[in-house]
Amino acid sequence: MVHALLEIGERENRILEIVKGKYGLKNKSQAINMIITDYSSTFLEPELRPEFIERMKEIDREETINIGSLNDFKKRYGIKE
């Protein structure tokens, strides 16, 4: 575990207190960890599950079907405009 000494503003301190109270956390350290985890899952690239990666590899190996133009596609699958 890493220990850090942080200087935060009064507003940020109040936000940490709100998060701490809202989620029933024991201390501000837990609140900071929760905020960081939430940020990472929302804004950073998510890790792909291994089964998803394998499925994409299977799809990549499949033979492609040439359907021609959009009109050819619509005729082939009976799509009316």
PDB file of N, CA and C in Angstrom:
ATOM      1  N   MET A   1       0.845  -1.171   0.000  1.00  0.00           N
ATOM      2  CA  MET A   1       0.000   0.000   0.000  1.00  0.00           C
ATOM      3  C   MET A   1       0.891   1.234   0.000  1.00  0.00           C
ATOM      4  N   VAL A   2       0.494   2.218  -0.757  1.00  0.00           N
ATOM      5  CA  VAL A   2       1.237   3.465  -0.852  1.00  0.00           C
ATOM      6  C   VAL A   2       0.599   4.493   0.065  1.00  0.00           C
ATOM      7  N   HIS A   3       1.415   5.206   0.785  1.00  0.00           N
ATOM      8  CA  HIS A   3       0.924   6.288   1.635  1.00  0.00           C
ATOM      9  C   HIS A   3       1.266   7.604   0.957  1.00  0.00           C
ATOM     10  N   ALA A   4       0.326   8.551   1.005  1.00  0.00           N
ATOM     11  CA  ALA A   4       0.549   9.839   0.364  1.00  0.00           C
ATOM     12  C   ALA A   4       0.005  10.942   1.261  1.00  0.00           C
ATOM     13  N   LEU A   5       0.730  12.021   1.294  1.00  0.00           N
ATOM     14  CA  LEU A   5       0.290  13.203   2.008  1.00  0.00           C
ATOM     15  C   LEU A   5      -0.269  14.149   0.957  1.00  0.00           C
ATOM     16  N   LEU A   6      -1.548  14.484   1.064  1.00  0.00           N
ATOM     17  CA  LEU A   6      -2.220  15.299   0.059  1.00  0.00           C
ATOM     18  C   LEU A   6      -2.619  16.650   0.625  1.00  0.00           C
ATOM     19  N   GLU A   7      -2.510  17.641  -0.206  1.00  0.00           N
ATOM     20  CA  GLU A   7      -3.061  18.955   0.132  1.00  0.00           C
ATOM     21  C   GLU A   7      -4.242  19.175  -0.796  1.00  0.00           C
ATOM     22  N   ILE A   8      -5.437  19.274  -0.222  1.00  0.00           N
ATOM     23  CA  ILE A   8      -6.643  19.501  -1.007  1.00  0.00           C
ATOM     24  C   ILE A   8      -7.339  20.747  -0.499  1.00  0.00           C
ATOM     25  N   GLY A   9      -8.136  21.314  -1.361  1.00  0.00           N
ATOM     26  CA  GLY A   9      -8.875  22.509  -0.995  1.00  0.00           C
ATOM     27  C   GLY A   9     -10.057  22.197  -0.101  1.00  0.00           C
ATOM     28  N   GLU A  10     -10.653  23.244   0.429  1.00  0.00           N
ATOM     29  CA  GLU A  10     -11.788  23.067   1.330  1.00  0.00           C
ATOM     30  C   GLU A  10     -12.981  22.440   0.617  1.00  0.00           C
ATOM     31  N   ARG A  11     -13.217  22.858  -0.626  1.00  0.00           N
ATOM     32  CA  ARG A  11     -14.335  22.299  -1.397  1.00  0.00           C
ATOM     33  C   ARG A  11     -14.118  20.808  -1.646  1.00  0.00           C
ATOM     34  N   GLU A  12     -12.904  20.430  -2.037  1.00  0.00           N
ATOM     35  CA  GLU A  12     -12.595  19.025  -2.284  1.00  0.00           C
ATOM     36  C   GLU A  12     -12.733  18.200  -1.002  1.00  0.00           C
ATOM     37  N   ASN A  13     -12.350  18.796   0.128  1.00  0.00           N
ATOM     38  CA  ASN A  13     -12.490  18.123   1.415  1.00  0.00           C
ATOM     39  C   ASN A  13     -13.963  17.861   1.722  1.00  0.00           C
ATOM     40  N   ARG A  14     -14.822  18.852   1.437  1.00  0.00           N
ATOM     41  CA  ARG A  14     -16.257  18.678   1.658  1.00  0.00           C
ATOM     42  C   ARG A  14     -16.821  17.582   0.754  1.00  0.00           C
ATOM     43  N   ILE A  15     -16.335  17.536  -0.486  1.00  0.00           N
ATOM     44  CA  ILE A  15     -16.787  16.493  -1.414  1.00  0.00           C
ATOM     45  C   ILE A  15     -16.399  15.118  -0.888  1.00  0.00           C
ATOM     46  N   LEU A  16     -15.175  14.992  -0.387  1.00  0.00           N
ATOM     47  CA  LEU A  16     -14.747  13.718   0.192  1.00  0.00           C
ATOM     48  C   LEU A  16     -15.634  13.329   1.373  1.00  0.00           C
ATOM     49  N   GLU A  17     -15.985  14.297   2.206  1.00  0.00           N
ATOM     50  CA  GLU A  17     -16.876  14.016   3.344  1.00  0.00           C
ATOM     51  C   GLU A  17     -18.246  13.547   2.866  1.00  0.00           C
ATOM     52  N   ILE A  18     -18.752  14.153   1.805  1.00  0.00           N
ATOM     53  CA  ILE A  18     -20.058  13.757   1.253  1.00  0.00           C
ATOM     54  C   ILE A  18     -19.999  12.333   0.725  1.00  0.00           C
ATOM     55  N   VAL A  19     -18.952  12.023  -0.047  1.00  0.00           N
ATOM     56  CA  VAL A  19     -18.800  10.675  -0.595  1.00  0.00           C
ATOM     57  C   VAL A  19     -18.665   9.667   0.543  1.00  0.00           C
ATOM     58  N   LYS A  20     -17.855  10.018   1.523  1.00  0.00           N
ATOM     59  CA  LYS A  20     -17.648   9.153   2.682  1.00  0.00           C
ATOM     60  C   LYS A  20     -18.974   8.850   3.387  1.00  0.00           C
ATOM     61  N   GLY A  21     -19.781   9.873   3.618  1.00  0.00           N
ATOM     62  CA  GLY A  21     -21.063   9.689   4.287  1.00  0.00           C
ATOM     63  C   GLY A  21     -22.079   8.963   3.433  1.00  0.00           C
ATOM     64  N   LYS A  22     -22.141   9.302   2.161  1.00  0.00           N
ATOM     65  CA  LYS A  22     -23.133   8.714   1.270  1.00  0.00           C
ATOM     66  C   LYS A  22     -22.950   7.204   1.139  1.00  0.00           C
ATOM     67  N   TYR A  23     -21.705   6.750   1.080  1.00  0.00           N
ATOM     68  CA  TYR A  23     -21.440   5.336   0.861  1.00  0.00           C
ATOM     69  C   TYR A  23     -21.018   4.609   2.144  1.00  0.00           C
ATOM     70  N   GLY A  24     -21.098   5.287   3.275  1.00  0.00           N
ATOM     71  CA  GLY A  24     -20.798   4.650   4.557  1.00  0.00           C
ATOM     72  C   GLY A  24     -19.349   4.210   4.694  1.00  0.00           C
ATOM     73  N   LEU A  25     -18.445   5.002   4.177  1.00  0.00           N
ATOM     74  CA  LEU A  25     -17.022   4.656   4.238  1.00  0.00           C
ATOM     75  C   LEU A  25     -16.438   5.101   5.568  1.00  0.00           C
ATOM     76  N   LYS A  26     -15.368   4.436   5.982  1.00  0.00           N
ATOM     77  CA  LYS A  26     -14.789   4.718   7.293  1.00  0.00           C
ATOM     78  C   LYS A  26     -13.890   5.948   7.308  1.00  0.00           C
ATOM     79  N   ASN A  27     -13.228   6.220   6.178  1.00  0.00           N
ATOM     80  CA  ASN A  27     -12.306   7.353   6.166  1.00  0.00           C
ATOM     81  C   ASN A  27     -12.193   7.951   4.764  1.00  0.00           C
ATOM     82  N   LYS A  28     -11.489   9.054   4.678  1.00  0.00           N
ATOM     83  CA  LYS A  28     -11.341   9.746   3.402  1.00  0.00           C
ATOM     84  C   LYS A  28     -10.486   8.950   2.427  1.00  0.00           C
ATOM     85  N   SER A  29      -9.610   8.128   2.933  1.00  0.00           N
ATOM     86  CA  SER A  29      -8.796   7.284   2.068  1.00  0.00           C
ATOM     87  C   SER A  29      -9.688   6.344   1.256  1.00  0.00           C
ATOM     88  N   GLN A  30     -10.679   5.762   1.896  1.00  0.00           N
ATOM     89  CA  GLN A  30     -11.618   4.898   1.189  1.00  0.00           C
ATOM     90  C   GLN A  30     -12.424   5.696   0.168  1.00  0.00           C
ATOM     91  N   ALA A  31     -12.775   6.937   0.526  1.00  0.00           N
ATOM     92  CA  ALA A  31     -13.522   7.795  -0.399  1.00  0.00           C
ATOM     93  C   ALA A  31     -12.678   8.113  -1.632  1.00  0.00           C
ATOM     94  N   ILE A  32     -11.414   8.423  -1.427  1.00  0.00           N
ATOM     95  CA  ILE A  32     -10.516   8.707  -2.557  1.00  0.00           C
ATOM     96  C   ILE A  32     -10.384   7.471  -3.432  1.00  0.00           C
ATOM     97  N   ASN A  33     -10.188   6.299  -2.821  1.00  0.00           N
ATOM     98  CA  ASN A  33     -10.077   5.064  -3.596  1.00  0.00           C
ATOM     99  C   ASN A  33     -11.334   4.799  -4.406  1.00  0.00           C
ATOM    100  N   MET A  34     -12.503   5.052  -3.813  1.00  0.00           N
ATOM    101  CA  MET A  34     -13.756   4.826  -4.523  1.00  0.00           C
ATOM    102  C   MET A  34     -13.883   5.782  -5.711  1.00  0.00           C
ATOM    103  N   ILE A  35     -13.547   7.039  -5.504  1.00  0.00           N
ATOM    104  CA  ILE A  35     -13.623   8.032  -6.582  1.00  0.00           C
ATOM    105  C   ILE A  35     -12.682   7.639  -7.719  1.00  0.00           C
ATOM    106  N   ILE A  36     -11.481   7.215  -7.389  1.00  0.00           N
ATOM    107  CA  ILE A  36     -10.511   6.816  -8.412  1.00  0.00           C
ATOM    108  C   ILE A  36     -11.010   5.589  -9.172  1.00  0.00           C
ATOM    109  N   THR A  37     -11.556   4.612  -8.463  1.00  0.00           N
ATOM    110  CA  THR A  37     -12.078   3.416  -9.120  1.00  0.00           C
ATOM    111  C   THR A  37     -13.227   3.762 -10.044  1.00  0.00           C
ATOM    112  N   ASP A  38     -14.132   4.613  -9.579  1.00  0.00           N
ATOM    113  CA  ASP A  38     -15.269   5.030 -10.396  1.00  0.00           C
ATOM    114  C   ASP A  38     -14.786   5.776 -11.633  1.00  0.00           C
ATOM    115  N   TYR A  39     -13.821   6.669 -11.461  1.00  0.00           N
ATOM    116  CA  TYR A  39     -13.268   7.419 -12.585  1.00  0.00           C
ATOM    117  C   TYR A  39     -12.659   6.471 -13.608  1.00  0.00           C
ATOM    118  N   SER A  40     -11.867   5.519 -13.135  1.00  0.00           N
ATOM    119  CA  SER A  40     -11.176   4.627 -14.059  1.00  0.00           C
ATOM    120  C   SER A  40     -12.152   3.765 -14.841  1.00  0.00           C
ATOM    121  N   SER A  41     -13.225   3.305 -14.208  1.00  0.00           N
ATOM    122  CA  SER A  41     -14.187   2.465 -14.923  1.00  0.00           C
ATOM    123  C   SER A  41     -15.039   3.282 -15.883  1.00  0.00           C
ATOM    124  N   THR A  42     -15.184   4.575 -15.621  1.00  0.00           N
ATOM    125  CA  THR A  42     -16.012   5.416 -16.474  1.00  0.00           C
ATOM    126  C   THR A  42     -15.233   6.036 -17.630  1.00  0.00           C
ATOM    127  N   PHE A  43     -14.028   6.531 -17.362  1.00  0.00           N
ATOM    128  CA  PHE A  43     -13.322   7.324 -18.350  1.00  0.00           C
ATOM    129  C   PHE A  43     -12.116   6.651 -18.992  1.00  0.00           C
ATOM    130  N   LEU A  44     -11.565   5.648 -18.385  1.00  0.00           N
ATOM    131  CA  LEU A  44     -10.420   4.977 -18.975  1.00  0.00           C
ATOM    132  C   LEU A  44     -10.897   3.773 -19.776  1.00  0.00           C
ATOM    133  N   GLU A  45     -10.055   3.283 -20.661  1.00  0.00           N
ATOM    134  CA  GLU A  45     -10.433   2.149 -21.486  1.00  0.00           C
ATOM    135  C   GLU A  45     -10.647   0.916 -20.614  1.00  0.00           C
ATOM    136  N   PRO A  46     -11.797   0.283 -20.756  1.00  0.00           N
ATOM    137  CA  PRO A  46     -12.042  -0.926 -19.956  1.00  0.00           C
ATOM    138  C   PRO A  46     -11.236  -2.099 -20.514  1.00  0.00           C
ATOM    139  N   GLU A  47     -10.895  -3.018 -19.654  1.00  0.00           N
ATOM    140  CA  GLU A  47     -10.222  -4.227 -20.106  1.00  0.00           C
ATOM    141  C   GLU A  47     -11.251  -5.125 -20.773  1.00  0.00           C
ATOM    142  N   LEU A  48     -10.834  -5.778 -21.834  1.00  0.00           N
ATOM    143  CA  LEU A  48     -11.738  -6.673 -22.537  1.00  0.00           C
ATOM    144  C   LEU A  48     -11.669  -8.059 -21.921  1.00  0.00           C
ATOM    145  N   ARG A  49     -12.819  -8.681 -21.777  1.00  0.00           N
ATOM    146  CA  ARG A  49     -12.854 -10.035 -21.239  1.00  0.00           C
ATOM    147  C   ARG A  49     -12.230 -10.987 -22.248  1.00  0.00           C
ATOM    148  N   PRO A  50     -11.535 -12.000 -21.783  1.00  0.00           N
ATOM    149  CA  PRO A  50     -10.883 -12.954 -22.686  1.00  0.00           C
ATOM    150  C   PRO A  50     -11.848 -13.614 -23.672  1.00  0.00           C
ATOM    151  N   GLU A  51     -13.078 -13.914 -23.225  1.00  0.00           N
ATOM    152  CA  GLU A  51     -14.034 -14.546 -24.140  1.00  0.00           C
ATOM    153  C   GLU A  51     -14.460 -13.601 -25.255  1.00  0.00           C
ATOM    154  N   PHE A  52     -14.510 -12.307 -24.962  1.00  0.00           N
ATOM    155  CA  PHE A  52     -14.832 -11.332 -26.003  1.00  0.00           C
ATOM    156  C   PHE A  52     -13.704 -11.277 -27.035  1.00  0.00           C
ATOM    157  N   ILE A  53     -12.477 -11.252 -26.574  1.00  0.00           N
ATOM    158  CA  ILE A  53     -11.328 -11.227 -27.484  1.00  0.00           C
ATOM    159  C   ILE A  53     -11.318 -12.473 -28.365  1.00  0.00           C
ATOM    160  N   GLU A  54     -11.577 -13.631 -27.769  1.00  0.00           N
ATOM    161  CA  GLU A  54     -11.610 -14.880 -28.537  1.00  0.00           C
ATOM    162  C   GLU A  54     -12.709 -14.849 -29.588  1.00  0.00           C
ATOM    163  N   ARG A  55     -13.886 -14.332 -29.234  1.00  0.00           N
ATOM    164  CA  ARG A  55     -14.997 -14.241 -30.193  1.00  0.00           C
ATOM    165  C   ARG A  55     -14.632 -13.318 -31.356  1.00  0.00           C
ATOM    166  N   MET A  56     -13.959 -12.227 -31.084  1.00  0.00           N
ATOM    167  CA  MET A  56     -13.549 -11.313 -32.148  1.00  0.00           C
ATOM    168  C   MET A  56     -12.527 -11.976 -33.077  1.00  0.00           C
ATOM    169  N   LYS A  57     -11.648 -12.800 -32.524  1.00  0.00           N
ATOM    170  CA  LYS A  57     -10.687 -13.546 -33.349  1.00  0.00           C
ATOM    171  C   LYS A  57     -11.412 -14.541 -34.243  1.00  0.00           C
ATOM    172  N   GLU A  58     -12.459 -15.210 -33.703  1.00  0.00           N
ATOM    173  CA  GLU A  58     -13.252 -16.140 -34.502  1.00  0.00           C
ATOM    174  C   GLU A  58     -13.939 -15.422 -35.649  1.00  0.00           C
ATOM    175  N   ILE A  59     -14.515 -14.280 -35.368  1.00  0.00           N
ATOM    176  CA  ILE A  59     -15.193 -13.499 -36.404  1.00  0.00           C
ATOM    177  C   ILE A  59     -14.195 -13.063 -37.463  1.00  0.00           C
ATOM    178  N   ASP A  60     -12.996 -12.682 -37.048  1.00  0.00           N
ATOM    179  CA  ASP A  60     -11.967 -12.239 -37.986  1.00  0.00           C
ATOM    180  C   ASP A  60     -11.561 -13.366 -38.932  1.00  0.00           C
ATOM    181  N   ARG A  61     -11.615 -14.621 -38.462  1.00  0.00           N
ATOM    182  CA  ARG A  61     -11.221 -15.764 -39.292  1.00  0.00           C
ATOM    183  C   ARG A  61     -12.329 -16.183 -40.259  1.00  0.00           C
ATOM    184  N   GLU A  62     -13.555 -15.746 -40.039  1.00  0.00           N
ATOM    185  CA  GLU A  62     -14.666 -16.128 -40.910  1.00  0.00           C
ATOM    186  C   GLU A  62     -14.501 -15.530 -42.303  1.00  0.00           C
ATOM    187  N   GLU A  63     -15.033 -16.259 -43.282  1.00  0.00           N
ATOM    188  CA  GLU A  63     -14.975 -15.787 -44.660  1.00  0.00           C
ATOM    189  C   GLU A  63     -15.976 -14.649 -44.843  1.00  0.00           C
ATOM    190  N   THR A  64     -15.535 -13.617 -45.531  1.00  0.00           N
ATOM    191  CA  THR A  64     -16.429 -12.482 -45.755  1.00  0.00           C
ATOM    192  C   THR A  64     -17.331 -12.747 -46.945  1.00  0.00           C
ATOM    193  N   ILE A  65     -18.471 -12.111 -46.955  1.00  0.00           N
ATOM    194  CA  ILE A  65     -19.439 -12.258 -48.030  1.00  0.00           C
ATOM    195  C   ILE A  65     -19.517 -10.921 -48.759  1.00  0.00           C
ATOM    196  N   ASN A  66     -19.288 -10.960 -50.053  1.00  0.00           N
ATOM    197  CA  ASN A  66     -19.380  -9.738 -50.849  1.00  0.00           C
ATOM    198  C   ASN A  66     -20.836  -9.543 -51.243  1.00  0.00           C
ATOM    199  N   ILE A  67     -21.434  -8.464 -50.803  1.00  0.00           N
ATOM    200  CA  ILE A  67     -22.837  -8.205 -51.102  1.00  0.00           C
ATOM    201  C   ILE A  67     -23.012  -7.132 -52.161  1.00  0.00           C
ATOM    202  N   GLY A  68     -21.923  -6.512 -52.572  1.00  0.00           N
ATOM    203  CA  GLY A  68     -22.012  -5.483 -53.598  1.00  0.00           C
ATOM    204  C   GLY A  68     -22.472  -4.160 -53.017  1.00  0.00           C
ATOM    205  N   SER A  69     -23.374  -3.524 -53.702  1.00  0.00           N
ATOM    206  CA  SER A  69     -23.854  -2.208 -53.285  1.00  0.00           C
ATOM    207  C   SER A  69     -24.966  -2.341 -52.255  1.00  0.00           C
ATOM    208  N   LEU A  70     -25.392  -1.224 -51.728  1.00  0.00           N
ATOM    209  CA  LEU A  70     -26.495  -1.209 -50.775  1.00  0.00           C
ATOM    210  C   LEU A  70     -27.775  -1.727 -51.432  1.00  0.00           C
ATOM    211  N   ASN A  71     -27.980  -1.375 -52.683  1.00  0.00           N
ATOM    212  CA  ASN A  71     -29.168  -1.865 -53.404  1.00  0.00           C
ATOM    213  C   ASN A  71     -29.127  -3.376 -53.560  1.00  0.00           C
ATOM    214  N   ASP A  72     -27.933  -3.941 -53.868  1.00  0.00           N
ATOM    215  CA  ASP A  72     -27.780  -5.399 -53.961  1.00  0.00           C
ATOM    216  C   ASP A  72     -28.126  -6.054 -52.627  1.00  0.00           C
ATOM    217  N   PHE A  73     -27.670  -5.454 -51.533  1.00  0.00           N
ATOM    218  CA  PHE A  73     -27.946  -5.976 -50.191  1.00  0.00           C
ATOM    219  C   PHE A  73     -29.449  -5.984 -49.925  1.00  0.00           C
ATOM    220  N   LYS A  74     -30.102  -4.879 -50.256  1.00  0.00           N
ATOM    221  CA  LYS A  74     -31.544  -4.776 -50.023  1.00  0.00           C
ATOM    222  C   LYS A  74     -32.310  -5.806 -50.839  1.00  0.00           C
ATOM    223  N   LYS A  75     -31.891  -6.025 -52.101  1.00  0.00           N
ATOM    224  CA  LYS A  75     -32.540  -7.023 -52.938  1.00  0.00           C
ATOM    225  C   LYS A  75     -32.326  -8.428 -52.372  1.00  0.00           C
ATOM    226  N   ARG A  76     -31.098  -8.711 -51.960  1.00  0.00           N
ATOM    227  CA  ARG A  76     -30.753 -10.043 -51.454  1.00  0.00           C
ATOM    228  C   ARG A  76     -31.571 -10.416 -50.217  1.00  0.00           C
ATOM    229  N   TYR A  77     -31.798  -9.430 -49.335  1.00  0.00           N
ATOM    230  CA  TYR A  77     -32.490  -9.718 -48.089  1.00  0.00           C
ATOM    231  C   TYR A  77     -33.917  -9.207 -48.053  1.00  0.00           C
ATOM    232  N   GLY A  78     -34.432  -8.802 -49.211  1.00  0.00           N
ATOM    233  CA  GLY A  78     -35.834  -8.414 -49.325  1.00  0.00           C
ATOM    234  C   GLY A  78     -36.209  -7.190 -48.514  1.00  0.00           C
ATOM    235  N   ILE A  79     -35.319  -6.237 -48.445  1.00  0.00           N
ATOM    236  CA  ILE A  79     -35.577  -5.007 -47.685  1.00  0.00           C
ATOM    237  C   ILE A  79     -36.188  -3.971 -48.622  1.00  0.00           C
ATOM    238  N   LYS A  80     -37.325  -3.454 -48.221  1.00  0.00           N
ATOM    239  CA  LYS A  80     -37.993  -2.426 -49.015  1.00  0.00           C
ATOM    240  C   LYS A  80     -37.754  -1.073 -48.367  1.00  0.00           C
ATOM    241  N   GLU A  81     -37.659  -0.084 -49.184  1.00  0.00           N
ATOM    242  CA  GLU A  81     -37.401   1.270 -48.657  1.00  0.00           C
ATOM    243  C   GLU A  81     -38.657   1.917 -48.169  1.00  0.00           C
TER     244      GLU A  81
END
